[in-house]
Amino acid sequence: MPFTFGKDEKLKSRKRIAQLFDEGETVVKFPIKVFYLPLENSEVSQATFAVPKRSFKSAVARNRIKRQLREAYRLQKEVLEKENGKHFTLLFLYLSKDKPQYSKLSSSMAVLLKKISE
């Protein structure tokens, strides 16, 4: 499996995102919270990333955190498909009010993806 995060893997549908908040389950490993919902009849998992404007006023800071979250997901997403072959709709929400270290994000991401795949 290539370590890519292509166009088909990005969650953009407002209906699906609203459905995630209404029907989805959550898992938290500070500083990340994940909303997830199993997908039926899909070839890939879809993910999106959010950083609250309330916590980070600067768009530069928000975008940097989202880039770091995407990178951590991109490198570890194979855990989801390797375990049981299921696909999910995912929304990663950054909770902390401090700028993260990538190593912390990466370790939190690994724990979350393992919890979801079980």
N, C-alpha and C. Protein backbone atom coordinates (compact mmCIF):
# COMPACT_ATOMS: atom_id res chain seq x y z
N MET A 1 0.85 -1.18 0.00
CA MET A 1 0.00 0.00 0.00
C MET A 1 0.89 1.24 0.00
N PRO A 2 0.65 2.13 -0.92
CA PRO A 2 1.47 3.35 -0.96
C PRO A 2 1.08 4.31 0.16
N PHE A 3 2.06 5.07 0.60
CA PHE A 3 1.81 6.06 1.65
C PHE A 3 1.35 7.36 1.02
N THR A 4 0.14 7.36 0.46
CA THR A 4 -0.39 8.56 -0.18
C THR A 4 -1.68 8.97 0.52
N PHE A 5 -2.09 10.17 0.28
CA PHE A 5 -3.37 10.67 0.77
C PHE A 5 -4.03 11.37 -0.41
N GLY A 6 -4.62 10.58 -1.28
CA GLY A 6 -5.15 11.07 -2.54
C GLY A 6 -6.50 11.75 -2.42
N LYS A 7 -6.95 12.24 -3.55
CA LYS A 7 -8.21 12.98 -3.62
C LYS A 7 -9.41 12.15 -3.16
N ASP A 8 -9.41 10.87 -3.51
CA ASP A 8 -10.54 10.01 -3.15
C ASP A 8 -10.58 9.69 -1.65
N GLU A 9 -9.51 9.95 -0.93
CA GLU A 9 -9.45 9.68 0.50
C GLU A 9 -9.82 10.90 1.35
N LYS A 10 -10.01 12.04 0.73
CA LYS A 10 -10.34 13.26 1.47
C LYS A 10 -11.85 13.37 1.63
N LEU A 11 -12.27 13.61 2.84
CA LEU A 11 -13.69 13.77 3.14
C LEU A 11 -14.08 15.23 2.92
N LYS A 12 -15.00 15.45 1.99
CA LYS A 12 -15.42 16.82 1.67
C LYS A 12 -16.93 17.01 1.77
N SER A 13 -17.67 15.93 1.82
CA SER A 13 -19.13 15.99 1.81
C SER A 13 -19.67 16.55 3.12
N ARG A 14 -20.41 17.64 3.02
CA ARG A 14 -21.00 18.25 4.21
C ARG A 14 -22.02 17.30 4.85
N LYS A 15 -22.73 16.52 4.02
CA LYS A 15 -23.71 15.57 4.55
C LYS A 15 -23.03 14.50 5.39
N ARG A 16 -21.92 13.96 4.89
CA ARG A 16 -21.19 12.93 5.63
C ARG A 16 -20.60 13.49 6.93
N ILE A 17 -20.11 14.73 6.88
CA ILE A 17 -19.54 15.34 8.08
C ILE A 17 -20.64 15.56 9.13
N ALA A 18 -21.80 16.03 8.69
CA ALA A 18 -22.93 16.21 9.61
C ALA A 18 -23.37 14.86 10.18
N GLN A 19 -23.37 13.84 9.34
CA GLN A 19 -23.73 12.49 9.77
C GLN A 19 -22.74 11.98 10.83
N LEU A 20 -21.47 12.31 10.65
CA LEU A 20 -20.44 11.92 11.63
C LEU A 20 -20.76 12.48 13.01
N PHE A 21 -21.12 13.76 13.06
CA PHE A 21 -21.41 14.40 14.34
C PHE A 21 -22.70 13.84 14.95
N ASP A 22 -23.67 13.49 14.11
CA ASP A 22 -24.95 12.98 14.61
C ASP A 22 -24.87 11.52 15.05
N GLU A 23 -24.31 10.66 14.20
CA GLU A 23 -24.37 9.22 14.42
C GLU A 23 -23.03 8.58 14.79
N GLY A 24 -21.95 9.31 14.57
CA GLY A 24 -20.63 8.72 14.75
C GLY A 24 -20.23 8.50 16.20
N GLU A 25 -19.23 7.65 16.37
CA GLU A 25 -18.66 7.38 17.68
C GLU A 25 -17.37 8.19 17.82
N THR A 26 -16.92 8.37 19.05
CA THR A 26 -15.71 9.15 19.28
C THR A 26 -14.70 8.37 20.11
N VAL A 27 -13.44 8.69 19.86
CA VAL A 27 -12.33 8.16 20.65
C VAL A 27 -11.39 9.33 20.90
N VAL A 28 -10.87 9.44 22.11
CA VAL A 28 -9.98 10.55 22.45
C VAL A 28 -8.65 10.01 22.96
N LYS A 29 -7.59 10.54 22.43
CA LYS A 29 -6.23 10.36 22.97
C LYS A 29 -5.60 11.73 22.85
N PHE A 30 -5.53 12.44 23.98
CA PHE A 30 -5.08 13.83 23.95
C PHE A 30 -3.78 13.95 23.17
N PRO A 31 -3.67 14.88 22.26
CA PRO A 31 -4.48 16.06 21.95
C PRO A 31 -5.40 15.89 20.74
N ILE A 32 -5.81 14.64 20.42
CA ILE A 32 -6.64 14.42 19.24
C ILE A 32 -7.92 13.70 19.64
N LYS A 33 -9.03 14.15 19.04
CA LYS A 33 -10.31 13.46 19.19
C LYS A 33 -10.74 13.02 17.79
N VAL A 34 -11.22 11.79 17.68
CA VAL A 34 -11.64 11.27 16.38
C VAL A 34 -13.12 10.93 16.41
N PHE A 35 -13.84 11.43 15.42
CA PHE A 35 -15.21 11.02 15.17
C PHE A 35 -15.13 10.03 14.03
N TYR A 36 -15.74 8.85 14.18
CA TYR A 36 -15.66 7.87 13.10
C TYR A 36 -16.98 7.14 12.91
N LEU A 37 -17.16 6.66 11.69
CA LEU A 37 -18.36 5.95 11.30
C LEU A 37 -17.95 4.91 10.26
N PRO A 38 -18.31 3.65 10.46
CA PRO A 38 -17.95 2.64 9.45
C PRO A 38 -18.64 2.94 8.12
N LEU A 39 -17.92 2.71 7.03
CA LEU A 39 -18.45 2.95 5.69
C LEU A 39 -18.85 1.63 5.05
N GLU A 40 -19.98 1.62 4.42
CA GLU A 40 -20.42 0.45 3.66
C GLU A 40 -20.13 0.69 2.18
N ASN A 41 -19.79 -0.35 1.46
CA ASN A 41 -19.57 -0.28 0.00
C ASN A 41 -18.57 0.79 -0.41
N SER A 42 -17.45 0.85 0.28
CA SER A 42 -16.43 1.83 -0.07
C SER A 42 -15.09 1.14 -0.23
N GLU A 43 -14.27 1.67 -1.11
CA GLU A 43 -12.96 1.08 -1.36
C GLU A 43 -11.88 1.67 -0.47
N VAL A 44 -12.09 2.89 0.02
CA VAL A 44 -11.08 3.56 0.85
C VAL A 44 -11.75 4.27 2.03
N SER A 45 -10.96 4.48 3.08
CA SER A 45 -11.42 5.30 4.20
C SER A 45 -11.26 6.76 3.81
N GLN A 46 -12.17 7.59 4.30
CA GLN A 46 -12.10 9.02 4.02
C GLN A 46 -11.87 9.76 5.33
N ALA A 47 -11.00 10.77 5.27
CA ALA A 47 -10.65 11.51 6.49
C ALA A 47 -10.60 13.00 6.22
N THR A 48 -10.86 13.76 7.28
CA THR A 48 -10.69 15.20 7.25
C THR A 48 -10.14 15.63 8.60
N PHE A 49 -9.61 16.83 8.65
CA PHE A 49 -8.89 17.30 9.83
C PHE A 49 -9.37 18.70 10.19
N ALA A 50 -9.53 18.96 11.50
CA ALA A 50 -10.04 20.26 11.94
C ALA A 50 -9.25 20.77 13.13
N VAL A 51 -9.00 22.08 13.11
CA VAL A 51 -8.35 22.77 14.22
C VAL A 51 -9.21 24.00 14.51
N PRO A 52 -9.70 24.15 15.75
CA PRO A 52 -10.62 25.24 16.05
C PRO A 52 -9.97 26.62 15.94
N LYS A 53 -10.72 27.52 15.34
CA LYS A 53 -10.27 28.90 15.19
C LYS A 53 -10.23 29.59 16.56
N ARG A 54 -11.04 29.12 17.48
CA ARG A 54 -11.08 29.68 18.83
C ARG A 54 -9.72 29.49 19.53
N SER A 55 -9.08 28.34 19.27
CA SER A 55 -7.80 28.04 19.93
C SER A 55 -6.62 28.68 19.22
N PHE A 56 -6.69 28.78 17.90
CA PHE A 56 -5.59 29.32 17.10
C PHE A 56 -6.14 30.35 16.14
N LYS A 57 -5.97 31.61 16.48
CA LYS A 57 -6.50 32.69 15.64
C LYS A 57 -5.79 32.77 14.30
N SER A 58 -4.50 32.46 14.29
CA SER A 58 -3.71 32.57 13.07
C SER A 58 -3.96 31.38 12.13
N ALA A 59 -4.32 31.68 10.90
CA ALA A 59 -4.54 30.63 9.90
C ALA A 59 -3.26 29.83 9.65
N VAL A 60 -2.12 30.49 9.75
CA VAL A 60 -0.84 29.83 9.54
C VAL A 60 -0.66 28.71 10.57
N ALA A 61 -0.98 28.99 11.82
CA ALA A 61 -0.84 27.99 12.88
C ALA A 61 -1.83 26.84 12.68
N ARG A 62 -3.08 27.17 12.34
CA ARG A 62 -4.09 26.13 12.11
C ARG A 62 -3.68 25.22 10.96
N ASN A 63 -3.22 25.82 9.87
CA ASN A 63 -2.84 25.03 8.70
C ASN A 63 -1.63 24.15 8.98
N ARG A 64 -0.70 24.64 9.78
CA ARG A 64 0.47 23.83 10.12
C ARG A 64 0.06 22.59 10.92
N ILE A 65 -0.84 22.78 11.87
CA ILE A 65 -1.30 21.64 12.68
C ILE A 65 -2.05 20.64 11.80
N LYS A 66 -2.88 21.15 10.89
CA LYS A 66 -3.60 20.24 9.99
C LYS A 66 -2.63 19.46 9.10
N ARG A 67 -1.58 20.12 8.63
CA ARG A 67 -0.56 19.43 7.83
C ARG A 67 0.11 18.32 8.64
N GLN A 68 0.42 18.62 9.88
CA GLN A 68 1.05 17.61 10.74
C GLN A 68 0.10 16.44 11.01
N LEU A 69 -1.17 16.72 11.23
CA LEU A 69 -2.16 15.66 11.43
C LEU A 69 -2.29 14.79 10.19
N ARG A 70 -2.36 15.43 9.02
CA ARG A 70 -2.46 14.69 7.76
C ARG A 70 -1.26 13.77 7.56
N GLU A 71 -0.08 14.28 7.86
CA GLU A 71 1.14 13.50 7.69
C GLU A 71 1.15 12.30 8.64
N ALA A 72 0.77 12.50 9.88
CA ALA A 72 0.72 11.40 10.84
C ALA A 72 -0.28 10.34 10.39
N TYR A 73 -1.43 10.78 9.88
CA TYR A 73 -2.44 9.84 9.38
C TYR A 73 -1.93 9.11 8.14
N ARG A 74 -1.36 9.84 7.22
CA ARG A 74 -0.88 9.26 5.96
C ARG A 74 0.12 8.13 6.20
N LEU A 75 1.00 8.31 7.16
CA LEU A 75 2.03 7.32 7.43
C LEU A 75 1.52 6.11 8.23
N GLN A 76 0.37 6.25 8.89
CA GLN A 76 -0.10 5.18 9.76
C GLN A 76 -1.47 4.62 9.39
N LYS A 77 -2.05 5.06 8.30
CA LYS A 77 -3.42 4.66 7.96
C LYS A 77 -3.55 3.18 7.60
N GLU A 78 -2.45 2.53 7.27
CA GLU A 78 -2.53 1.12 6.88
C GLU A 78 -3.04 0.25 8.03
N VAL A 79 -2.92 0.72 9.27
CA VAL A 79 -3.41 -0.03 10.43
C VAL A 79 -4.91 -0.30 10.30
N LEU A 80 -5.66 0.66 9.77
CA LEU A 80 -7.11 0.50 9.62
C LEU A 80 -7.45 -0.64 8.68
N GLU A 81 -6.81 -0.69 7.52
CA GLU A 81 -7.16 -1.70 6.53
C GLU A 81 -6.50 -3.04 6.81
N LYS A 82 -5.36 -3.02 7.47
CA LYS A 82 -4.63 -4.25 7.73
C LYS A 82 -5.37 -5.14 8.72
N GLU A 83 -5.95 -4.55 9.73
CA GLU A 83 -6.58 -5.30 10.81
C GLU A 83 -7.82 -6.08 10.35
N ASN A 84 -8.78 -5.39 9.76
CA ASN A 84 -10.04 -6.06 9.45
C ASN A 84 -10.59 -5.73 8.07
N GLY A 85 -9.93 -4.91 7.33
CA GLY A 85 -10.38 -4.58 5.98
C GLY A 85 -11.56 -3.63 5.92
N LYS A 86 -12.02 -3.13 7.08
CA LYS A 86 -13.14 -2.18 7.09
C LYS A 86 -12.65 -0.81 6.68
N HIS A 87 -13.58 0.00 6.21
CA HIS A 87 -13.27 1.38 5.85
C HIS A 87 -14.15 2.30 6.68
N PHE A 88 -13.63 3.50 6.95
CA PHE A 88 -14.31 4.43 7.85
C PHE A 88 -14.35 5.83 7.26
N THR A 89 -15.30 6.63 7.79
CA THR A 89 -15.30 8.07 7.60
C THR A 89 -14.73 8.62 8.90
N LEU A 90 -13.71 9.47 8.79
CA LEU A 90 -13.00 9.94 9.97
C LEU A 90 -12.91 11.46 10.00
N LEU A 91 -13.04 12.03 11.18
CA LEU A 91 -12.79 13.46 11.37
C LEU A 91 -11.87 13.58 12.59
N PHE A 92 -10.68 14.11 12.37
CA PHE A 92 -9.70 14.31 13.44
C PHE A 92 -9.79 15.75 13.91
N LEU A 93 -10.03 15.93 15.21
CA LEU A 93 -10.17 17.25 15.80
C LEU A 93 -9.03 17.47 16.80
N TYR A 94 -8.30 18.56 16.62
CA TYR A 94 -7.20 18.88 17.53
C TYR A 94 -7.76 19.60 18.74
N LEU A 95 -7.45 19.12 19.95
CA LEU A 95 -8.06 19.64 21.17
C LEU A 95 -7.22 20.65 21.94
N SER A 96 -5.91 20.52 21.91
CA SER A 96 -5.04 21.33 22.75
C SER A 96 -5.02 22.80 22.33
N LYS A 97 -4.63 23.64 23.26
CA LYS A 97 -4.50 25.06 22.95
C LYS A 97 -3.05 25.44 22.66
N ASP A 98 -2.14 24.46 22.76
CA ASP A 98 -0.72 24.69 22.50
C ASP A 98 -0.32 24.10 21.16
N LYS A 99 0.72 24.67 20.56
CA LYS A 99 1.24 24.12 19.32
C LYS A 99 1.88 22.76 19.61
N PRO A 100 1.59 21.76 18.79
CA PRO A 100 2.03 20.40 19.10
C PRO A 100 3.45 20.10 18.62
N GLN A 101 4.03 19.07 19.22
CA GLN A 101 5.24 18.48 18.68
C GLN A 101 4.78 17.31 17.83
N TYR A 102 5.41 17.13 16.68
CA TYR A 102 4.98 16.09 15.76
C TYR A 102 5.04 14.71 16.41
N SER A 103 6.02 14.46 17.24
CA SER A 103 6.15 13.14 17.87
C SER A 103 4.93 12.81 18.73
N LYS A 104 4.40 13.81 19.43
CA LYS A 104 3.19 13.61 20.25
C LYS A 104 1.98 13.29 19.37
N LEU A 105 1.85 14.06 18.28
CA LEU A 105 0.73 13.82 17.36
C LEU A 105 0.81 12.43 16.76
N SER A 106 2.01 12.04 16.37
CA SER A 106 2.21 10.74 15.74
C SER A 106 1.86 9.59 16.68
N SER A 107 2.30 9.68 17.92
CA SER A 107 2.00 8.61 18.88
C SER A 107 0.51 8.57 19.21
N SER A 108 -0.12 9.73 19.35
CA SER A 108 -1.57 9.77 19.61
C SER A 108 -2.34 9.19 18.43
N MET A 109 -1.91 9.52 17.22
CA MET A 109 -2.56 9.02 16.01
C MET A 109 -2.48 7.49 15.96
N ALA A 110 -1.33 6.93 16.30
CA ALA A 110 -1.15 5.47 16.28
C ALA A 110 -2.12 4.79 17.25
N VAL A 111 -2.24 5.34 18.45
CA VAL A 111 -3.14 4.77 19.45
C VAL A 111 -4.59 4.85 18.98
N LEU A 112 -4.98 5.99 18.44
CA LEU A 112 -6.36 6.17 17.98
C LEU A 112 -6.71 5.21 16.85
N LEU A 113 -5.83 5.08 15.87
CA LEU A 113 -6.12 4.21 14.74
C LEU A 113 -6.21 2.75 15.18
N LYS A 114 -5.42 2.35 16.16
CA LYS A 114 -5.53 0.98 16.69
C LYS A 114 -6.86 0.77 17.38
N LYS A 115 -7.29 1.78 18.18
CA LYS A 115 -8.58 1.66 18.89
C LYS A 115 -9.73 1.56 17.89
N ILE A 116 -9.69 2.35 16.83
CA ILE A 116 -10.76 2.35 15.84
C ILE A 116 -10.82 1.01 15.11
N SER A 117 -9.68 0.46 14.78
CA SER A 117 -9.66 -0.76 13.99
C SER A 117 -10.09 -1.99 14.78
N GLU A 118 -10.13 -1.90 16.11
CA GLU A 118 -10.53 -3.06 16.92
C GLU A 118 -12.03 -3.22 17.00
